[in-house]
Amino acid sequence: MKNLGKMMQQAQQLQSKMAEMQEQMANLEVTGSSGAGMVTVTMNGKNEARRVTIDPKLLDGEEAAVVEDLIVAAINDARAKAEAEMAQQMKDLTGGLELPPGMKLPF
């Protein structure tokens, strides 16, 4: 029974640490870019876009389709960086604990 009590205590600590980490992730900002930096998108750890910056040179003429494609690429780049940071933080939090395949934290 001592092990069960210890496990429950560890689970509560993990839950507390996860809530703290989620708050930190909400404050995290990552910037993705495309087109050699001509388009950048800044997102937070919740995958919410915060800023889009477009080099004015892209807005000359009939370049709307190119700009749209570059924005999508920049958003995807920023999202991948946010997810990688979240995965690293989760690895640090769980001390390298292996989760069953397909299981992600937070639930």
Protein backbone atom coordinates (compact mmCIF):
# COMPACT_ATOMS: atom_id res chain seq x y z
CA MET A 1 0.00 0.00 0.00
CA LYS A 2 2.95 2.32 0.53
CA ASN A 3 3.71 2.11 -3.18
CA LEU A 4 0.14 3.11 -4.07
CA GLY A 5 0.32 6.16 -1.83
CA LYS A 6 3.68 7.08 -3.32
CA MET A 7 2.30 6.67 -6.85
CA MET A 8 -0.67 8.89 -6.04
CA GLN A 9 1.63 11.56 -4.65
CA GLN A 10 3.82 11.37 -7.76
CA ALA A 11 0.75 11.62 -9.99
CA GLN A 12 -0.38 14.76 -8.15
CA GLN A 13 3.09 16.28 -8.51
CA LEU A 14 3.12 15.43 -12.20
CA GLN A 15 -0.32 17.01 -12.65
CA SER A 16 0.86 20.16 -10.91
CA LYS A 17 4.00 20.33 -13.03
CA MET A 18 1.96 19.78 -16.20
CA ALA A 19 -0.37 22.67 -15.33
CA GLU A 20 2.68 24.87 -14.75
CA MET A 21 4.21 23.76 -18.04
CA GLN A 22 0.99 24.46 -19.95
CA GLU A 23 1.02 28.00 -18.57
CA GLN A 24 4.63 28.41 -19.64
CA MET A 25 3.79 27.09 -23.11
CA ALA A 26 1.00 29.65 -23.45
CA ASN A 27 3.64 32.35 -22.91
CA LEU A 28 6.15 30.73 -25.28
CA GLU A 29 6.57 32.41 -28.64
CA VAL A 30 8.15 30.78 -31.68
CA THR A 31 8.70 32.33 -35.07
CA GLY A 32 8.53 30.38 -38.30
CA SER A 33 9.66 31.71 -41.61
CA SER A 34 9.53 30.93 -45.30
CA GLY A 35 10.88 32.44 -48.49
CA ALA A 36 14.30 33.10 -46.94
CA GLY A 37 12.69 35.20 -44.21
CA MET A 38 10.41 37.18 -46.52
CA VAL A 39 7.38 35.94 -44.53
CA THR A 40 7.47 35.27 -40.80
CA VAL A 41 4.74 34.10 -38.45
CA THR A 42 4.97 34.21 -34.68
CA MET A 43 2.81 31.78 -32.69
CA ASN A 44 2.46 30.92 -29.04
CA GLY A 45 2.64 27.48 -27.46
CA LYS A 46 -1.09 27.02 -27.97
CA ASN A 47 -0.61 27.23 -31.75
CA GLU A 48 -2.27 30.65 -31.91
CA ALA A 49 -0.78 32.99 -34.52
CA ARG A 50 0.35 36.27 -32.96
CA ARG A 51 2.09 38.16 -35.76
CA VAL A 52 2.61 37.93 -39.50
CA THR A 53 5.33 39.94 -41.20
CA ILE A 54 5.55 40.18 -44.99
CA ASP A 55 8.47 41.74 -46.84
CA PRO A 56 6.99 44.66 -48.84
CA LYS A 57 8.77 43.42 -51.98
CA LEU A 58 6.33 40.50 -52.11
CA LEU A 59 3.34 42.76 -52.43
CA ASP A 60 4.36 44.25 -55.76
CA GLY A 61 2.31 43.12 -58.74
CA GLU A 62 0.42 39.87 -58.98
CA GLU A 63 2.22 38.04 -56.17
CA ALA A 64 -0.83 37.33 -53.97
CA ALA A 65 -0.74 33.55 -54.57
CA VAL A 66 2.97 33.41 -53.68
CA VAL A 67 2.36 35.42 -50.50
CA GLU A 68 -0.50 33.13 -49.48
CA ASP A 69 1.62 30.01 -49.99
CA LEU A 70 4.51 31.52 -48.03
CA ILE A 71 2.21 32.43 -45.12
CA VAL A 72 0.95 28.84 -44.94
CA ALA A 73 4.53 27.54 -45.00
CA ALA A 74 5.59 29.97 -42.26
CA ILE A 75 2.64 28.99 -40.04
CA ASN A 76 3.48 25.32 -40.46
CA ASP A 77 7.12 26.03 -39.62
CA ALA A 78 6.16 27.90 -36.43
CA ARG A 79 3.71 25.16 -35.42
CA ALA A 80 6.37 22.47 -35.85
CA LYS A 81 8.73 24.48 -33.64
CA ALA A 82 6.04 24.90 -30.95
CA GLU A 83 5.28 21.16 -31.01
CA ALA A 84 8.99 20.29 -30.78
CA GLU A 85 9.38 22.60 -27.78
CA MET A 86 6.32 21.04 -26.12
CA ALA A 87 7.71 17.53 -26.73
CA GLN A 88 11.06 18.51 -25.21
CA GLN A 89 9.38 20.05 -22.17
CA MET A 90 7.26 16.92 -21.71
CA LYS A 91 10.37 14.75 -21.95
CA ASP A 92 12.07 16.89 -19.30
CA LEU A 93 8.95 16.81 -17.11
CA THR A 94 8.49 13.05 -17.22
CA GLY A 95 12.19 12.33 -16.80
CA GLY A 96 12.29 10.36 -20.03
CA LEU A 97 9.31 8.21 -19.02
CA GLU A 98 8.21 6.24 -22.05
CA LEU A 99 4.50 6.53 -22.77
CA PRO A 100 2.57 3.84 -24.62
CA PRO A 101 2.51 4.32 -28.42
CA GLY A 102 -0.10 6.83 -29.54
CA MET A 103 -0.49 8.34 -26.07
CA LYS A 104 0.29 12.03 -25.78
CA LEU A 105 0.44 14.35 -22.82
CA PRO A 106 -1.42 16.43 -21.88
CA PHE A 107 -4.39 14.14 -22.33
